[in-house]
Amino acid sequence: MRILGVDYGEKRIGLAVSDELGLTAQGIPTLIRKTKKNDLEIFRQWIRHYSVQKIVVGYPLHIDGSEGIQCEKVSRFARWLAETFLLPVMKWPETLTTKEAEDILRTSGVHWRKRKEKVDQLAACLILQSYLDAGGKCE
């Protein structure tokens, strides 16, 4: 079963997909948000291309585990995905994955311009890999 990993953002959405066995996450091109119609078409293409059967969306809890304003936006987005594509959508805790992705890219010597392009994709990989490593279990 292939799973799509999503790092939600208002300007960019990082994306990753699992291998067919559900063991590893690989990044796919970041969605640069333009219109809801464009977002829909990009998601439709990736879901079809990879035969996605489940979507995991990073859920940005605060460090203390509490929910903030961004959690409501992610929840609305997750509902939209579930209703639009009729697939199970899981919210997965992703505290500080974008910072972790930035640190990984910086440590790897990636130029700041390239980091900006890759950070959302890597964050989506980290979210999805965390989900896969946990055995695909969700709340």
C-alpha atoms as a PDB file:
ATOM      1  CA  MET A   1       0.000   0.000   0.000  1.00  0.00           C
ATOM      2  CA  ARG A   2       1.358   3.434  -0.938  1.00  0.00           C
ATOM      3  CA  ILE A   3       0.912   6.309   1.501  1.00  0.00           C
ATOM      4  CA  LEU A   4       1.194  10.004   0.659  1.00  0.00           C
ATOM      5  CA  GLY A   5       2.909  12.174   3.272  1.00  0.00           C
ATOM      6  CA  VAL A   6       1.957  15.853   3.462  1.00  0.00           C
ATOM      7  CA  ASP A   7       3.628  18.812   5.155  1.00  0.00           C
ATOM      8  CA  TYR A   8       0.885  21.448   4.946  1.00  0.00           C
ATOM      9  CA  GLY A   9       1.739  25.085   4.366  1.00  0.00           C
ATOM     10  CA  GLU A  10      -0.217  28.067   3.140  1.00  0.00           C
ATOM     11  CA  LYS A  11       2.285  28.800   0.330  1.00  0.00           C
ATOM     12  CA  ARG A  12       3.897  25.397  -0.228  1.00  0.00           C
ATOM     13  CA  ILE A  13       2.910  21.820   0.527  1.00  0.00           C
ATOM     14  CA  GLY A  14       5.715  19.328   0.981  1.00  0.00           C
ATOM     15  CA  LEU A  15       4.980  15.866  -0.396  1.00  0.00           C
ATOM     16  CA  ALA A  16       6.454  12.407   0.020  1.00  0.00           C
ATOM     17  CA  VAL A  17       5.309   8.921  -0.904  1.00  0.00           C
ATOM     18  CA  SER A  18       6.049   5.543   0.623  1.00  0.00           C
ATOM     19  CA  ASP A  19       7.444   2.600  -1.268  1.00  0.00           C
ATOM     20  CA  GLU A  20       4.937  -0.177  -2.051  1.00  0.00           C
ATOM     21  CA  LEU A  21       5.883  -2.123   1.089  1.00  0.00           C
ATOM     22  CA  GLY A  22       5.358   0.904   3.322  1.00  0.00           C
ATOM     23  CA  LEU A  23       8.933   0.868   4.626  1.00  0.00           C
ATOM     24  CA  THR A  24      10.533   4.052   3.316  1.00  0.00           C
ATOM     25  CA  ALA A  25       9.496   7.581   2.356  1.00  0.00           C
ATOM     26  CA  GLN A  26      10.761   9.359  -0.756  1.00  0.00           C
ATOM     27  CA  GLY A  27      10.190  13.004  -1.567  1.00  0.00           C
ATOM     28  CA  ILE A  28       8.197  14.090  -4.579  1.00  0.00           C
ATOM     29  CA  PRO A  29       8.074  17.665  -5.918  1.00  0.00           C
ATOM     30  CA  THR A  30       6.708  20.296  -3.548  1.00  0.00           C
ATOM     31  CA  LEU A  31       3.348  21.746  -4.478  1.00  0.00           C
ATOM     32  CA  ILE A  32       3.593  25.519  -4.882  1.00  0.00           C
ATOM     33  CA  ARG A  33       0.116  26.729  -4.008  1.00  0.00           C
ATOM     34  CA  LYS A  34      -1.653  28.921  -6.567  1.00  0.00           C
ATOM     35  CA  THR A  35      -5.368  28.111  -6.466  1.00  0.00           C
ATOM     36  CA  LYS A  36      -7.496  25.458  -4.817  1.00  0.00           C
ATOM     37  CA  LYS A  37      -8.251  24.082  -8.289  1.00  0.00           C
ATOM     38  CA  ASN A  38      -4.516  23.751  -8.996  1.00  0.00           C
ATOM     39  CA  ASP A  39      -3.935  22.070  -5.602  1.00  0.00           C
ATOM     40  CA  LEU A  40      -6.732  19.620  -6.394  1.00  0.00           C
ATOM     41  CA  GLU A  41      -5.241  18.722  -9.776  1.00  0.00           C
ATOM     42  CA  ILE A  42      -1.726  18.211  -8.403  1.00  0.00           C
ATOM     43  CA  PHE A  43      -3.024  15.953  -5.604  1.00  0.00           C
ATOM     44  CA  ARG A  44      -5.177  14.058  -8.085  1.00  0.00           C
ATOM     45  CA  GLN A  45      -2.155  13.451 -10.339  1.00  0.00           C
ATOM     46  CA  TRP A  46       0.087  12.171  -7.535  1.00  0.00           C
ATOM     47  CA  ILE A  47      -2.646  10.010  -5.975  1.00  0.00           C
ATOM     48  CA  ARG A  48      -3.374   8.424  -9.330  1.00  0.00           C
ATOM     49  CA  HIS A  49       0.290   8.073 -10.371  1.00  0.00           C
ATOM     50  CA  TYR A  50       1.297   6.282  -7.156  1.00  0.00           C
ATOM     51  CA  SER A  51      -2.038   4.503  -6.505  1.00  0.00           C
ATOM     52  CA  VAL A  52      -2.131   6.109  -3.054  1.00  0.00           C
ATOM     53  CA  GLN A  53      -4.450   4.410  -0.578  1.00  0.00           C
ATOM     54  CA  LYS A  54      -3.885   6.570   2.503  1.00  0.00           C
ATOM     55  CA  ILE A  55      -2.709  10.103   3.288  1.00  0.00           C
ATOM     56  CA  VAL A  56      -0.729  11.167   6.361  1.00  0.00           C
ATOM     57  CA  VAL A  57      -0.770  14.887   7.139  1.00  0.00           C
ATOM     58  CA  GLY A  58       1.672  16.406   9.602  1.00  0.00           C
ATOM     59  CA  TYR A  59      -0.166  17.779  12.645  1.00  0.00           C
ATOM     60  CA  PRO A  60       1.813  20.682  14.175  1.00  0.00           C
ATOM     61  CA  LEU A  61       1.325  20.321  17.911  1.00  0.00           C
ATOM     62  CA  HIS A  62       3.194  22.674  20.223  1.00  0.00           C
ATOM     63  CA  ILE A  63       6.166  21.223  22.100  1.00  0.00           C
ATOM     64  CA  ASP A  64       3.965  20.792  25.193  1.00  0.00           C
ATOM     65  CA  GLY A  65       1.467  18.760  23.129  1.00  0.00           C
ATOM     66  CA  SER A  66      -1.189  21.466  22.959  1.00  0.00           C
ATOM     67  CA  GLU A  67      -2.931  22.521  19.752  1.00  0.00           C
ATOM     68  CA  GLY A  68      -2.453  25.951  18.213  1.00  0.00           C
ATOM     69  CA  ILE A  69      -4.060  27.948  15.419  1.00  0.00           C
ATOM     70  CA  GLN A  70      -2.184  26.015  12.728  1.00  0.00           C
ATOM     71  CA  CYS A  71      -3.743  22.747  13.962  1.00  0.00           C
ATOM     72  CA  GLU A  72      -7.214  23.991  12.984  1.00  0.00           C
ATOM     73  CA  LYS A  73      -5.970  24.901   9.496  1.00  0.00           C
ATOM     74  CA  VAL A  74      -4.390  21.471   9.102  1.00  0.00           C
ATOM     75  CA  SER A  75      -7.576  19.795  10.351  1.00  0.00           C
ATOM     76  CA  ARG A  76      -9.656  21.651   7.761  1.00  0.00           C
ATOM     77  CA  PHE A  77      -7.169  20.699   5.046  1.00  0.00           C
ATOM     78  CA  ALA A  78      -7.182  17.044   6.152  1.00  0.00           C
ATOM     79  CA  ARG A  79     -11.006  16.994   6.022  1.00  0.00           C
ATOM     80  CA  TRP A  80     -10.892  18.500   2.524  1.00  0.00           C
ATOM     81  CA  LEU A  81      -8.471  15.782   1.382  1.00  0.00           C
ATOM     82  CA  ALA A  82     -10.613  13.009   2.885  1.00  0.00           C
ATOM     83  CA  GLU A  83     -13.857  14.332   1.408  1.00  0.00           C
ATOM     84  CA  THR A  84     -12.338  15.097  -1.995  1.00  0.00           C
ATOM     85  CA  PHE A  85     -10.395  11.877  -2.573  1.00  0.00           C
ATOM     86  CA  LEU A  86     -12.442   9.482  -0.412  1.00  0.00           C
ATOM     87  CA  LEU A  87      -9.278   8.148   1.208  1.00  0.00           C
ATOM     88  CA  PRO A  88      -8.375   7.703   4.859  1.00  0.00           C
ATOM     89  CA  VAL A  89      -6.451  10.743   6.077  1.00  0.00           C
ATOM     90  CA  MET A  90      -4.434  10.504   9.283  1.00  0.00           C
ATOM     91  CA  LYS A  91      -3.080  13.454  11.244  1.00  0.00           C
ATOM     92  CA  TRP A  92       0.399  12.623  12.546  1.00  0.00           C
ATOM     93  CA  PRO A  93       2.298  14.683  15.151  1.00  0.00           C
ATOM     94  CA  GLU A  94       5.100  16.620  13.457  1.00  0.00           C
ATOM     95  CA  THR A  95       6.487  19.038  15.987  1.00  0.00           C
ATOM     96  CA  LEU A  96       9.600  20.780  14.631  1.00  0.00           C
ATOM     97  CA  THR A  97       9.963  18.702  11.436  1.00  0.00           C
ATOM     98  CA  THR A  98      10.565  21.801   9.318  1.00  0.00           C
ATOM     99  CA  LYS A  99      13.338  22.912  11.682  1.00  0.00           C
ATOM    100  CA  GLU A 100      14.787  19.397  11.612  1.00  0.00           C
ATOM    101  CA  ALA A 101      14.654  19.400   7.799  1.00  0.00           C
ATOM    102  CA  GLU A 102      16.413  22.799   7.688  1.00  0.00           C
ATOM    103  CA  ASP A 103      19.110  21.531  10.062  1.00  0.00           C
ATOM    104  CA  ILE A 104      19.683  18.391   7.973  1.00  0.00           C
ATOM    105  CA  LEU A 105      20.005  20.403   4.781  1.00  0.00           C
ATOM    106  CA  ARG A 106      22.295  22.997   6.401  1.00  0.00           C
ATOM    107  CA  THR A 107      24.523  20.288   7.914  1.00  0.00           C
ATOM    108  CA  SER A 108      24.681  18.566   4.533  1.00  0.00           C
ATOM    109  CA  GLY A 109      26.102  21.747   3.035  1.00  0.00           C
ATOM    110  CA  VAL A 110      23.106  22.523   0.836  1.00  0.00           C
ATOM    111  CA  HIS A 111      23.150  26.150  -0.349  1.00  0.00           C
ATOM    112  CA  TRP A 112      20.420  28.314   1.243  1.00  0.00           C
ATOM    113  CA  ARG A 113      18.602  28.758  -2.097  1.00  0.00           C
ATOM    114  CA  LYS A 114      18.369  25.003  -2.589  1.00  0.00           C
ATOM    115  CA  ARG A 115      17.376  24.522   1.067  1.00  0.00           C
ATOM    116  CA  LYS A 116      14.350  26.755   0.521  1.00  0.00           C
ATOM    117  CA  GLU A 117      13.301  24.548  -2.404  1.00  0.00           C
ATOM    118  CA  LYS A 118      13.832  21.243  -0.559  1.00  0.00           C
ATOM    119  CA  VAL A 119      12.836  21.915   3.049  1.00  0.00           C
ATOM    120  CA  ASP A 120       9.100  21.196   2.643  1.00  0.00           C
ATOM    121  CA  GLN A 121       9.765  18.004   0.703  1.00  0.00           C
ATOM    122  CA  LEU A 122      12.210  16.778   3.354  1.00  0.00           C
ATOM    123  CA  ALA A 123       9.762  17.701   6.143  1.00  0.00           C
ATOM    124  CA  ALA A 124       7.091  15.587   4.387  1.00  0.00           C
ATOM    125  CA  CYS A 125       9.580  12.704   4.211  1.00  0.00           C
ATOM    126  CA  LEU A 126      10.310  13.031   7.935  1.00  0.00           C
ATOM    127  CA  ILE A 127       6.597  13.043   8.779  1.00  0.00           C
ATOM    128  CA  LEU A 128       5.849  10.019   6.618  1.00  0.00           C
ATOM    129  CA  GLN A 129       8.942   8.098   7.743  1.00  0.00           C
ATOM    130  CA  SER A 130       8.001   8.696  11.387  1.00  0.00           C
ATOM    131  CA  TYR A 131       4.537   7.303  10.659  1.00  0.00           C
ATOM    132  CA  LEU A 132       5.978   4.268   8.866  1.00  0.00           C
ATOM    133  CA  ASP A 133       8.544   3.624  11.607  1.00  0.00           C
ATOM    134  CA  ALA A 134       5.725   3.606  14.172  1.00  0.00           C
ATOM    135  CA  GLY A 135       4.106   0.770  12.249  1.00  0.00           C
ATOM    136  CA  GLY A 136       1.534   2.973  10.582  1.00  0.00           C
ATOM    137  CA  LYS A 137      -0.363   3.325  13.842  1.00  0.00           C
ATOM    138  CA  CYS A 138      -2.329   6.458  14.443  1.00  0.00           C
ATOM    139  CA  GLU A 139      -4.372   7.962  17.263  1.00  0.00           C
END
